[in-house]
Amino acid sequence: MEKFRQDLVWFPKTLCNFVYGYLHEDAFVLKSIPPGYLAVFFSDFVLRKVVIEPHMYSYIPASIKLFYTFLWEKKYLVNPLPFMVVIEEIEPHFIEILRERFG
C-alpha cells in the first residue's frame, strides 16, 4: 500500500511541473489554470513526461482531483468544483487515449 501511495504522489508534482516549469501563452497558477491547458496536460504532457505501468495512468485524474481538494482544504482555492468538473469532462478522452496507446 505504501508503494501505491508513493506512486500517486508524483501526479500532482507533474501538474506543478507543467504549470510552473514550462512557458505557456498566458501566465497562470494552479488556481487559475485554463481548462484547455488541463486538457493538454492530460492528453499530451502526462504521456510524454510520466513513465509508469500502463494501468497507473488511469489513476492520474483521480489523483489530480484529490490534489485540488487538498488545495481547497488548505484555503489555497475558494472552490475546487470547477477543476473537478473539467477533469471529469477530460477523463473519458484521456482513458480513450490510454486504450489506443496501451490497448
PDB file of N, CA and C in Angstrom:
ATOM      1  N   MET A   1       0.816  -1.199   0.000  1.00  0.00           N
ATOM      2  CA  MET A   1       0.000   0.000   0.000  1.00  0.00           C
ATOM      3  C   MET A   1       0.864   1.269   0.000  1.00  0.00           C
ATOM      4  N   GLU A   2       1.964   1.236   0.724  1.00  0.00           N
ATOM      5  CA  GLU A   2       2.840   2.410   0.785  1.00  0.00           C
ATOM      6  C   GLU A   2       3.421   2.744  -0.593  1.00  0.00           C
ATOM      7  N   LYS A   3       3.829   1.726  -1.350  1.00  0.00           N
ATOM      8  CA  LYS A   3       4.353   1.968  -2.686  1.00  0.00           C
ATOM      9  C   LYS A   3       3.301   2.608  -3.574  1.00  0.00           C
ATOM     10  N   PHE A   4       2.054   2.154  -3.444  1.00  0.00           N
ATOM     11  CA  PHE A   4       0.966   2.720  -4.219  1.00  0.00           C
ATOM     12  C   PHE A   4       0.794   4.200  -3.893  1.00  0.00           C
ATOM     13  N   ARG A   5       0.833   4.552  -2.623  1.00  0.00           N
ATOM     14  CA  ARG A   5       0.724   5.959  -2.217  1.00  0.00           C
ATOM     15  C   ARG A   5       1.888   6.769  -2.764  1.00  0.00           C
ATOM     16  N   GLN A   6       3.077   6.213  -2.727  1.00  0.00           N
ATOM     17  CA  GLN A   6       4.242   6.922  -3.251  1.00  0.00           C
ATOM     18  C   GLN A   6       4.121   7.163  -4.749  1.00  0.00           C
ATOM     19  N   ASP A   7       3.539   6.215  -5.464  1.00  0.00           N
ATOM     20  CA  ASP A   7       3.326   6.398  -6.902  1.00  0.00           C
ATOM     21  C   ASP A   7       2.356   7.539  -7.170  1.00  0.00           C
ATOM     22  N   LEU A   8       1.302   7.635  -6.382  1.00  0.00           N
ATOM     23  CA  LEU A   8       0.289   8.665  -6.602  1.00  0.00           C
ATOM     24  C   LEU A   8       0.795  10.071  -6.306  1.00  0.00           C
ATOM     25  N   VAL A   9       1.790  10.185  -5.464  1.00  0.00           N
ATOM     26  CA  VAL A   9       2.310  11.493  -5.093  1.00  0.00           C
ATOM     27  C   VAL A   9       2.965  12.200  -6.278  1.00  0.00           C
ATOM     28  N   TRP A  10       3.432  11.458  -7.253  1.00  0.00           N
ATOM     29  CA  TRP A  10       4.107  12.057  -8.401  1.00  0.00           C
ATOM     30  C   TRP A  10       3.166  12.800  -9.331  1.00  0.00           C
ATOM     31  N   PHE A  11       1.898  12.444  -9.335  1.00  0.00           N
ATOM     32  CA  PHE A  11       0.978  13.051 -10.296  1.00  0.00           C
ATOM     33  C   PHE A  11       0.747  14.535 -10.024  1.00  0.00           C
ATOM     34  N   PRO A  12       0.462  14.950  -8.779  1.00  0.00           N
ATOM     35  CA  PRO A  12       0.358  16.395  -8.538  1.00  0.00           C
ATOM     36  C   PRO A  12       1.676  17.124  -8.798  1.00  0.00           C
ATOM     37  N   LYS A  13       2.794  16.478  -8.492  1.00  0.00           N
ATOM     38  CA  LYS A  13       4.092  17.099  -8.782  1.00  0.00           C
ATOM     39  C   LYS A  13       4.250  17.311 -10.282  1.00  0.00           C
ATOM     40  N   THR A  14       3.782  16.365 -11.074  1.00  0.00           N
ATOM     41  CA  THR A  14       3.835  16.502 -12.527  1.00  0.00           C
ATOM     42  C   THR A  14       2.982  17.676 -12.987  1.00  0.00           C
ATOM     43  N   LEU A  15       1.806  17.848 -12.383  1.00  0.00           N
ATOM     44  CA  LEU A  15       0.964  19.001 -12.718  1.00  0.00           C
ATOM     45  C   LEU A  15       1.677  20.301 -12.360  1.00  0.00           C
ATOM     46  N   CYS A  16       2.306  20.357 -11.205  1.00  0.00           N
ATOM     47  CA  CYS A  16       3.046  21.564 -10.810  1.00  0.00           C
ATOM     48  C   CYS A  16       4.191  21.845 -11.772  1.00  0.00           C
ATOM     49  N   ASN A  17       4.888  20.799 -12.192  1.00  0.00           N
ATOM     50  CA  ASN A  17       5.958  20.983 -13.184  1.00  0.00           C
ATOM     51  C   ASN A  17       5.401  21.552 -14.481  1.00  0.00           C
ATOM     52  N   PHE A  18       4.243  21.068 -14.894  1.00  0.00           N
ATOM     53  CA  PHE A  18       3.601  21.557 -16.105  1.00  0.00           C
ATOM     54  C   PHE A  18       3.209  23.024 -15.960  1.00  0.00           C
ATOM     55  N   VAL A  19       2.620  23.377 -14.833  1.00  0.00           N
ATOM     56  CA  VAL A  19       2.129  24.744 -14.624  1.00  0.00           C
ATOM     57  C   VAL A  19       3.277  25.725 -14.437  1.00  0.00           C
ATOM     58  N   TYR A  20       4.229  25.378 -13.603  1.00  0.00           N
ATOM     59  CA  TYR A  20       5.271  26.336 -13.229  1.00  0.00           C
ATOM     60  C   TYR A  20       6.596  26.150 -13.971  1.00  0.00           C
ATOM     61  N   GLY A  21       6.788  25.014 -14.613  1.00  0.00           N
ATOM     62  CA  GLY A  21       8.072  24.745 -15.228  1.00  0.00           C
ATOM     63  C   GLY A  21       8.155  24.967 -16.718  1.00  0.00           C
ATOM     64  N   TYR A  22       7.034  25.283 -17.343  1.00  0.00           N
ATOM     65  CA  TYR A  22       7.020  25.454 -18.790  1.00  0.00           C
ATOM     66  C   TYR A  22       6.391  26.793 -19.155  1.00  0.00           C
ATOM     67  N   LEU A  23       6.902  27.391 -20.201  1.00  0.00           N
ATOM     68  CA  LEU A  23       6.323  28.644 -20.672  1.00  0.00           C
ATOM     69  C   LEU A  23       5.018  28.352 -21.391  1.00  0.00           C
ATOM     70  N   HIS A  24       4.014  29.097 -21.055  1.00  0.00           N
ATOM     71  CA  HIS A  24       2.709  28.984 -21.689  1.00  0.00           C
ATOM     72  C   HIS A  24       2.358  30.344 -22.284  1.00  0.00           C
ATOM     73  N   GLU A  25       1.366  30.344 -23.138  1.00  0.00           N
ATOM     74  CA  GLU A  25       0.946  31.608 -23.749  1.00  0.00           C
ATOM     75  C   GLU A  25       0.534  32.622 -22.682  1.00  0.00           C
ATOM     76  N   ASP A  26      -0.161  32.159 -21.671  1.00  0.00           N
ATOM     77  CA  ASP A  26      -0.603  33.023 -20.580  1.00  0.00           C
ATOM     78  C   ASP A  26       0.045  32.543 -19.287  1.00  0.00           C
ATOM     79  N   ALA A  27       0.333  33.485 -18.418  1.00  0.00           N
ATOM     80  CA  ALA A  27       0.851  33.106 -17.106  1.00  0.00           C
ATOM     81  C   ALA A  27      -0.328  32.676 -16.239  1.00  0.00           C
ATOM     82  N   PHE A  28      -0.182  31.566 -15.560  1.00  0.00           N
ATOM     83  CA  PHE A  28      -1.225  31.115 -14.658  1.00  0.00           C
ATOM     84  C   PHE A  28      -0.607  30.320 -13.522  1.00  0.00           C
ATOM     85  N   VAL A  29      -1.417  30.079 -12.518  1.00  0.00           N
ATOM     86  CA  VAL A  29      -1.027  29.291 -11.360  1.00  0.00           C
ATOM     87  C   VAL A  29      -2.043  28.172 -11.203  1.00  0.00           C
ATOM     88  N   LEU A  30      -1.822  27.294 -10.247  1.00  0.00           N
ATOM     89  CA  LEU A  30      -2.718  26.151 -10.067  1.00  0.00           C
ATOM     90  C   LEU A  30      -4.175  26.556  -9.921  1.00  0.00           C
ATOM     91  N   LYS A  31      -4.429  27.701  -9.281  1.00  0.00           N
ATOM     92  CA  LYS A  31      -5.820  28.088  -9.053  1.00  0.00           C
ATOM     93  C   LYS A  31      -6.442  28.834 -10.226  1.00  0.00           C
ATOM     94  N   SER A  32      -5.669  29.033 -11.282  1.00  0.00           N
ATOM     95  CA  SER A  32      -6.248  29.718 -12.443  1.00  0.00           C
ATOM     96  C   SER A  32      -5.890  29.052 -13.763  1.00  0.00           C
ATOM     97  N   ILE A  33      -5.530  27.779 -13.728  1.00  0.00           N
ATOM     98  CA  ILE A  33      -5.162  27.081 -14.958  1.00  0.00           C
ATOM     99  C   ILE A  33      -6.399  26.938 -15.854  1.00  0.00           C
ATOM    100  N   PRO A  34      -6.317  27.381 -17.102  1.00  0.00           N
ATOM    101  CA  PRO A  34      -7.456  27.293 -18.008  1.00  0.00           C
ATOM    102  C   PRO A  34      -7.791  25.831 -18.359  1.00  0.00           C
ATOM    103  N   PRO A  35      -9.059  25.532 -18.592  1.00  0.00           N
ATOM    104  CA  PRO A  35      -9.457  24.167 -18.946  1.00  0.00           C
ATOM    105  C   PRO A  35      -8.693  23.599 -20.134  1.00  0.00           C
ATOM    106  N   GLY A  36      -8.403  24.409 -21.117  1.00  0.00           N
ATOM    107  CA  GLY A  36      -7.668  23.931 -22.282  1.00  0.00           C
ATOM    108  C   GLY A  36      -6.284  23.431 -21.924  1.00  0.00           C
ATOM    109  N   TYR A  37      -5.654  24.082 -20.974  1.00  0.00           N
ATOM    110  CA  TYR A  37      -4.332  23.635 -20.544  1.00  0.00           C
ATOM    111  C   TYR A  37      -4.411  22.341 -19.749  1.00  0.00           C
ATOM    112  N   LEU A  38      -5.479  22.165 -18.987  1.00  0.00           N
ATOM    113  CA  LEU A  38      -5.663  20.879 -18.306  1.00  0.00           C
ATOM    114  C   LEU A  38      -5.828  19.763 -19.334  1.00  0.00           C
ATOM    115  N   ALA A  39      -6.529  20.058 -20.413  1.00  0.00           N
ATOM    116  CA  ALA A  39      -6.690  19.062 -21.477  1.00  0.00           C
ATOM    117  C   ALA A  39      -5.338  18.708 -22.082  1.00  0.00           C
ATOM    118  N   VAL A  40      -4.490  19.699 -22.328  1.00  0.00           N
ATOM    119  CA  VAL A  40      -3.142  19.453 -22.864  1.00  0.00           C
ATOM    120  C   VAL A  40      -2.315  18.661 -21.857  1.00  0.00           C
ATOM    121  N   PHE A  41      -2.469  18.984 -20.582  1.00  0.00           N
ATOM    122  CA  PHE A  41      -1.744  18.256 -19.544  1.00  0.00           C
ATOM    123  C   PHE A  41      -2.051  16.765 -19.633  1.00  0.00           C
ATOM    124  N   PHE A  42      -3.344  16.421 -19.720  1.00  0.00           N
ATOM    125  CA  PHE A  42      -3.721  15.014 -19.740  1.00  0.00           C
ATOM    126  C   PHE A  42      -3.437  14.344 -21.082  1.00  0.00           C
ATOM    127  N   SER A  43      -3.741  15.006 -22.173  1.00  0.00           N
ATOM    128  CA  SER A  43      -3.654  14.332 -23.474  1.00  0.00           C
ATOM    129  C   SER A  43      -2.256  14.339 -24.085  1.00  0.00           C
ATOM    130  N   ASP A  44      -1.357  15.165 -23.570  1.00  0.00           N
ATOM    131  CA  ASP A  44      -0.029  15.250 -24.167  1.00  0.00           C
ATOM    132  C   ASP A  44       1.079  15.169 -23.117  1.00  0.00           C
ATOM    133  N   PHE A  45       1.115  16.124 -22.208  1.00  0.00           N
ATOM    134  CA  PHE A  45       2.224  16.254 -21.279  1.00  0.00           C
ATOM    135  C   PHE A  45       2.433  14.995 -20.434  1.00  0.00           C
ATOM    136  N   VAL A  46       1.388  14.498 -19.825  1.00  0.00           N
ATOM    137  CA  VAL A  46       1.490  13.313 -18.965  1.00  0.00           C
ATOM    138  C   VAL A  46       2.048  12.131 -19.747  1.00  0.00           C
ATOM    139  N   LEU A  47       1.585  11.953 -20.952  1.00  0.00           N
ATOM    140  CA  LEU A  47       2.004  10.801 -21.741  1.00  0.00           C
ATOM    141  C   LEU A  47       3.454  10.913 -22.223  1.00  0.00           C
ATOM    142  N   ARG A  48       3.955  12.125 -22.311  1.00  0.00           N
ATOM    143  CA  ARG A  48       5.355  12.303 -22.715  1.00  0.00           C
ATOM    144  C   ARG A  48       6.316  12.305 -21.539  1.00  0.00           C
ATOM    145  N   LYS A  49       5.860  12.777 -20.382  1.00  0.00           N
ATOM    146  CA  LYS A  49       6.774  13.003 -19.263  1.00  0.00           C
ATOM    147  C   LYS A  49       6.697  11.970 -18.143  1.00  0.00           C
ATOM    148  N   VAL A  50       5.634  11.207 -18.083  1.00  0.00           N
ATOM    149  CA  VAL A  50       5.464  10.238 -16.997  1.00  0.00           C
ATOM    150  C   VAL A  50       5.612   8.832 -17.560  1.00  0.00           C
ATOM    151  N   VAL A  51       6.551   8.093 -17.013  1.00  0.00           N
ATOM    152  CA  VAL A  51       6.764   6.714 -17.434  1.00  0.00           C
ATOM    153  C   VAL A  51       6.399   5.814 -16.255  1.00  0.00           C
ATOM    154  N   ILE A  52       5.251   5.158 -16.390  1.00  0.00           N
ATOM    155  CA  ILE A  52       4.741   4.274 -15.349  1.00  0.00           C
ATOM    156  C   ILE A  52       4.074   3.081 -16.025  1.00  0.00           C
ATOM    157  N   GLU A  53       3.695   2.123 -15.221  1.00  0.00           N
ATOM    158  CA  GLU A  53       2.934   0.992 -15.742  1.00  0.00           C
ATOM    159  C   GLU A  53       1.640   1.525 -16.373  1.00  0.00           C
ATOM    160  N   PRO A  54       1.218   0.958 -17.492  1.00  0.00           N
ATOM    161  CA  PRO A  54       0.039   1.483 -18.193  1.00  0.00           C
ATOM    162  C   PRO A  54      -1.207   1.653 -17.318  1.00  0.00           C
ATOM    163  N   HIS A  55      -1.472   0.701 -16.429  1.00  0.00           N
ATOM    164  CA  HIS A  55      -2.688   0.814 -15.606  1.00  0.00           C
ATOM    165  C   HIS A  55      -2.623   1.998 -14.641  1.00  0.00           C
ATOM    166  N   MET A  56      -1.416   2.454 -14.285  1.00  0.00           N
ATOM    167  CA  MET A  56      -1.284   3.564 -13.336  1.00  0.00           C
ATOM    168  C   MET A  56      -1.738   4.895 -13.927  1.00  0.00           C
ATOM    169  N   TYR A  57      -1.672   5.040 -15.241  1.00  0.00           N
ATOM    170  CA  TYR A  57      -2.129   6.286 -15.863  1.00  0.00           C
ATOM    171  C   TYR A  57      -3.595   6.565 -15.538  1.00  0.00           C
ATOM    172  N   SER A  58      -4.381   5.519 -15.405  1.00  0.00           N
ATOM    173  CA  SER A  58      -5.814   5.716 -15.149  1.00  0.00           C
ATOM    174  C   SER A  58      -6.079   6.321 -13.778  1.00  0.00           C
ATOM    175  N   TYR A  59      -5.078   6.311 -12.887  1.00  0.00           N
ATOM    176  CA  TYR A  59      -5.240   6.915 -11.559  1.00  0.00           C
ATOM    177  C   TYR A  59      -4.946   8.413 -11.551  1.00  0.00           C
ATOM    178  N   ILE A  60      -4.350   8.918 -12.594  1.00  0.00           N
ATOM    179  CA  ILE A  60      -3.921  10.314 -12.603  1.00  0.00           C
ATOM    180  C   ILE A  60      -5.084  11.293 -12.444  1.00  0.00           C
ATOM    181  N   PRO A  61      -6.197  11.166 -13.185  1.00  0.00           N
ATOM    182  CA  PRO A  61      -7.287  12.129 -12.976  1.00  0.00           C
ATOM    183  C   PRO A  61      -7.791  12.162 -11.526  1.00  0.00           C
ATOM    184  N   ALA A  62      -7.969  11.013 -10.912  1.00  0.00           N
ATOM    185  CA  ALA A  62      -8.440  10.982  -9.524  1.00  0.00           C
ATOM    186  C   ALA A  62      -7.410  11.610  -8.588  1.00  0.00           C
ATOM    187  N   SER A  63      -6.143  11.360  -8.850  1.00  0.00           N
ATOM    188  CA  SER A  63      -5.087  11.936  -8.027  1.00  0.00           C
ATOM    189  C   SER A  63      -5.082  13.458  -8.124  1.00  0.00           C
ATOM    190  N   ILE A  64      -5.270  13.980  -9.313  1.00  0.00           N
ATOM    191  CA  ILE A  64      -5.282  15.429  -9.501  1.00  0.00           C
ATOM    192  C   ILE A  64      -6.523  16.041  -8.844  1.00  0.00           C
ATOM    193  N   LYS A  65      -7.665  15.377  -8.945  1.00  0.00           N
ATOM    194  CA  LYS A  65      -8.870  15.880  -8.260  1.00  0.00           C
ATOM    195  C   LYS A  65      -8.645  15.893  -6.749  1.00  0.00           C
ATOM    196  N   LEU A  66      -8.042  14.865  -6.222  1.00  0.00           N
ATOM    197  CA  LEU A  66      -7.737  14.821  -4.791  1.00  0.00           C
ATOM    198  C   LEU A  66      -6.777  15.946  -4.416  1.00  0.00           C
ATOM    199  N   PHE A  67      -5.828  16.219  -5.266  1.00  0.00           N
ATOM    200  CA  PHE A  67      -4.893  17.324  -5.030  1.00  0.00           C
ATOM    201  C   PHE A  67      -5.631  18.660  -4.971  1.00  0.00           C
ATOM    202  N   TYR A  68      -6.578  18.876  -5.880  1.00  0.00           N
ATOM    203  CA  TYR A  68      -7.349  20.117  -5.840  1.00  0.00           C
ATOM    204  C   TYR A  68      -8.230  20.193  -4.588  1.00  0.00           C
ATOM    205  N   THR A  69      -8.709  19.072  -4.115  1.00  0.00           N
ATOM    206  CA  THR A  69      -9.446  19.050  -2.850  1.00  0.00           C
ATOM    207  C   THR A  69      -8.519  19.459  -1.712  1.00  0.00           C
ATOM    208  N   PHE A  70      -7.314  18.944  -1.727  1.00  0.00           N
ATOM    209  CA  PHE A  70      -6.317  19.320  -0.726  1.00  0.00           C
ATOM    210  C   PHE A  70      -6.048  20.822  -0.762  1.00  0.00           C
ATOM    211  N   LEU A  71      -5.876  21.378  -1.967  1.00  0.00           N
ATOM    212  CA  LEU A  71      -5.632  22.818  -2.090  1.00  0.00           C
ATOM    213  C   LEU A  71      -6.793  23.627  -1.533  1.00  0.00           C
ATOM    214  N   TRP A  72      -8.001  23.135  -1.707  1.00  0.00           N
ATOM    215  CA  TRP A  72      -9.188  23.804  -1.154  1.00  0.00           C
ATOM    216  C   TRP A  72      -9.180  23.716   0.370  1.00  0.00           C
ATOM    217  N   GLU A  73      -8.874  22.548   0.894  1.00  0.00           N
ATOM    218  CA  GLU A  73      -8.838  22.375   2.346  1.00  0.00           C
ATOM    219  C   GLU A  73      -7.779  23.264   2.990  1.00  0.00           C
ATOM    220  N   LYS A  74      -6.705  23.526   2.281  1.00  0.00           N
ATOM    221  CA  LYS A  74      -5.638  24.394   2.792  1.00  0.00           C
ATOM    222  C   LYS A  74      -5.898  25.868   2.494  1.00  0.00           C
ATOM    223  N   LYS A  75      -7.087  26.171   1.975  1.00  0.00           N
ATOM    224  CA  LYS A  75      -7.522  27.547   1.696  1.00  0.00           C
ATOM    225  C   LYS A  75      -6.758  28.217   0.551  1.00  0.00           C
ATOM    226  N   TYR A  76      -6.122  27.425  -0.292  1.00  0.00           N
ATOM    227  CA  TYR A  76      -5.472  27.981  -1.477  1.00  0.00           C
ATOM    228  C   TYR A  76      -6.506  28.287  -2.550  1.00  0.00           C
ATOM    229  N   LEU A  77      -7.566  27.482  -2.596  1.00  0.00           N
ATOM    230  CA  LEU A  77      -8.663  27.664  -3.548  1.00  0.00           C
ATOM    231  C   LEU A  77      -9.930  28.024  -2.804  1.00  0.00           C
ATOM    232  N   VAL A  78     -10.759  28.832  -3.434  1.00  0.00           N
ATOM    233  CA  VAL A  78     -12.072  29.137  -2.876  1.00  0.00           C
ATOM    234  C   VAL A  78     -13.030  27.994  -3.150  1.00  0.00           C
ATOM    235  N   ASN A  79     -12.934  27.419  -4.358  1.00  0.00           N
ATOM    236  CA  ASN A  79     -13.856  26.368  -4.762  1.00  0.00           C
ATOM    237  C   ASN A  79     -13.159  25.419  -5.743  1.00  0.00           C
ATOM    238  N   PRO A  80     -12.980  24.150  -5.368  1.00  0.00           N
ATOM    239  CA  PRO A  80     -12.318  23.221  -6.281  1.00  0.00           C
ATOM    240  C   PRO A  80     -13.246  22.641  -7.349  1.00  0.00           C
ATOM    241  N   LEU A  81     -14.554  22.864  -7.207  1.00  0.00           N
ATOM    242  CA  LEU A  81     -15.530  22.244  -8.099  1.00  0.00           C
ATOM    243  C   LEU A  81     -15.283  22.527  -9.584  1.00  0.00           C
ATOM    244  N   PRO A  82     -14.961  23.753  -9.992  1.00  0.00           N
ATOM    245  CA  PRO A  82     -14.712  23.962 -11.423  1.00  0.00           C
ATOM    246  C   PRO A  82     -13.590  23.081 -11.977  1.00  0.00           C
ATOM    247  N   PHE A  83     -12.564  22.845 -11.190  1.00  0.00           N
ATOM    248  CA  PHE A  83     -11.462  21.983 -11.634  1.00  0.00           C
ATOM    249  C   PHE A  83     -11.919  20.534 -11.708  1.00  0.00           C
ATOM    250  N   MET A  84     -12.725  20.130 -10.736  1.00  0.00           N
ATOM    251  CA  MET A  84     -13.240  18.754 -10.727  1.00  0.00           C
ATOM    252  C   MET A  84     -14.091  18.494 -11.970  1.00  0.00           C
ATOM    253  N   VAL A  85     -14.936  19.451 -12.301  1.00  0.00           N
ATOM    254  CA  VAL A  85     -15.816  19.299 -13.465  1.00  0.00           C
ATOM    255  C   VAL A  85     -14.991  19.189 -14.743  1.00  0.00           C
ATOM    256  N   VAL A  86     -13.989  20.038 -14.881  1.00  0.00           N
ATOM    257  CA  VAL A  86     -13.139  20.000 -16.078  1.00  0.00           C
ATOM    258  C   VAL A  86     -12.416  18.662 -16.177  1.00  0.00           C
ATOM    259  N   ILE A  87     -11.860  18.197 -15.081  1.00  0.00           N
ATOM    260  CA  ILE A  87     -11.139  16.923 -15.090  1.00  0.00           C
ATOM    261  C   ILE A  87     -12.086  15.779 -15.422  1.00  0.00           C
ATOM    262  N   GLU A  88     -13.296  15.809 -14.881  1.00  0.00           N
ATOM    263  CA  GLU A  88     -14.274  14.761 -15.195  1.00  0.00           C
ATOM    264  C   GLU A  88     -14.682  14.788 -16.656  1.00  0.00           C
ATOM    265  N   GLU A  89     -14.702  15.973 -17.269  1.00  0.00           N
ATOM    266  CA  GLU A  89     -15.014  16.073 -18.694  1.00  0.00           C
ATOM    267  C   GLU A  89     -13.853  15.557 -19.546  1.00  0.00           C
ATOM    268  N   ILE A  90     -12.624  15.776 -19.108  1.00  0.00           N
ATOM    269  CA  ILE A  90     -11.433  15.357 -19.847  1.00  0.00           C
ATOM    270  C   ILE A  90     -11.179  13.863 -19.692  1.00  0.00           C
ATOM    271  N   GLU A  91     -11.528  13.313 -18.553  1.00  0.00           N
ATOM    272  CA  GLU A  91     -11.163  11.934 -18.219  1.00  0.00           C
ATOM    273  C   GLU A  91     -11.571  10.892 -19.262  1.00  0.00           C
ATOM    274  N   PRO A  92     -12.797  10.904 -19.801  1.00  0.00           N
ATOM    275  CA  PRO A  92     -13.130   9.887 -20.815  1.00  0.00           C
ATOM    276  C   PRO A  92     -12.219   9.949 -22.046  1.00  0.00           C
ATOM    277  N   HIS A  93     -11.878  11.150 -22.483  1.00  0.00           N
ATOM    278  CA  HIS A  93     -10.969  11.295 -23.621  1.00  0.00           C
ATOM    279  C   HIS A  93      -9.582  10.761 -23.253  1.00  0.00           C
ATOM    280  N   PHE A  94      -9.116  11.050 -22.063  1.00  0.00           N
ATOM    281  CA  PHE A  94      -7.826  10.567 -21.593  1.00  0.00           C
ATOM    282  C   PHE A  94      -7.809   9.038 -21.548  1.00  0.00           C
ATOM    283  N   ILE A  95      -8.866   8.434 -21.058  1.00  0.00           N
ATOM    284  CA  ILE A  95      -8.966   6.972 -20.995  1.00  0.00           C
ATOM    285  C   ILE A  95      -8.957   6.388 -22.404  1.00  0.00           C
ATOM    286  N   GLU A  96      -9.622   7.053 -23.332  1.00  0.00           N
ATOM    287  CA  GLU A  96      -9.628   6.583 -24.727  1.00  0.00           C
ATOM    288  C   GLU A  96      -8.216   6.635 -25.319  1.00  0.00           C
ATOM    289  N   ILE A  97      -7.469   7.682 -25.025  1.00  0.00           N
ATOM    290  CA  ILE A  97      -6.077   7.778 -25.476  1.00  0.00           C
ATOM    291  C   ILE A  97      -5.259   6.620 -24.898  1.00  0.00           C
ATOM    292  N   LEU A  98      -5.485   6.322 -23.623  1.00  0.00           N
ATOM    293  CA  LEU A  98      -4.772   5.211 -22.988  1.00  0.00           C
ATOM    294  C   LEU A  98      -5.114   3.882 -23.655  1.00  0.00           C
ATOM    295  N   ARG A  99      -6.381   3.681 -23.985  1.00  0.00           N
ATOM    296  CA  ARG A  99      -6.798   2.448 -24.665  1.00  0.00           C
ATOM    297  C   ARG A  99      -6.117   2.299 -26.020  1.00  0.00           C
ATOM    298  N   GLU A 100      -6.060   3.411 -26.753  1.00  0.00           N
ATOM    299  CA  GLU A 100      -5.413   3.368 -28.068  1.00  0.00           C
ATOM    300  C   GLU A 100      -3.916   3.087 -27.944  1.00  0.00           C
ATOM    301  N   ARG A 101      -3.301   3.698 -26.959  1.00  0.00           N
ATOM    302  CA  ARG A 101      -1.856   3.560 -26.803  1.00  0.00           C
ATOM    303  C   ARG A 101      -1.441   2.222 -26.225  1.00  0.00           C
ATOM    304  N   PHE A 102      -2.185   1.747 -25.224  1.00  0.00           N
ATOM    305  CA  PHE A 102      -1.773   0.551 -24.493  1.00  0.00           C
ATOM    306  C   PHE A 102      -2.690  -0.647 -24.716  1.00  0.00           C
ATOM    307  N   GLY A 103      -3.824  -0.398 -25.401  1.00  0.00           N
ATOM    308  CA  GLY A 103      -4.900  -1.331 -25.645  1.00  0.00           C
ATOM    309  C   GLY A 103      -4.589  -2.732 -25.704  1.00  0.00           C
TER     310      GLY A 103
END
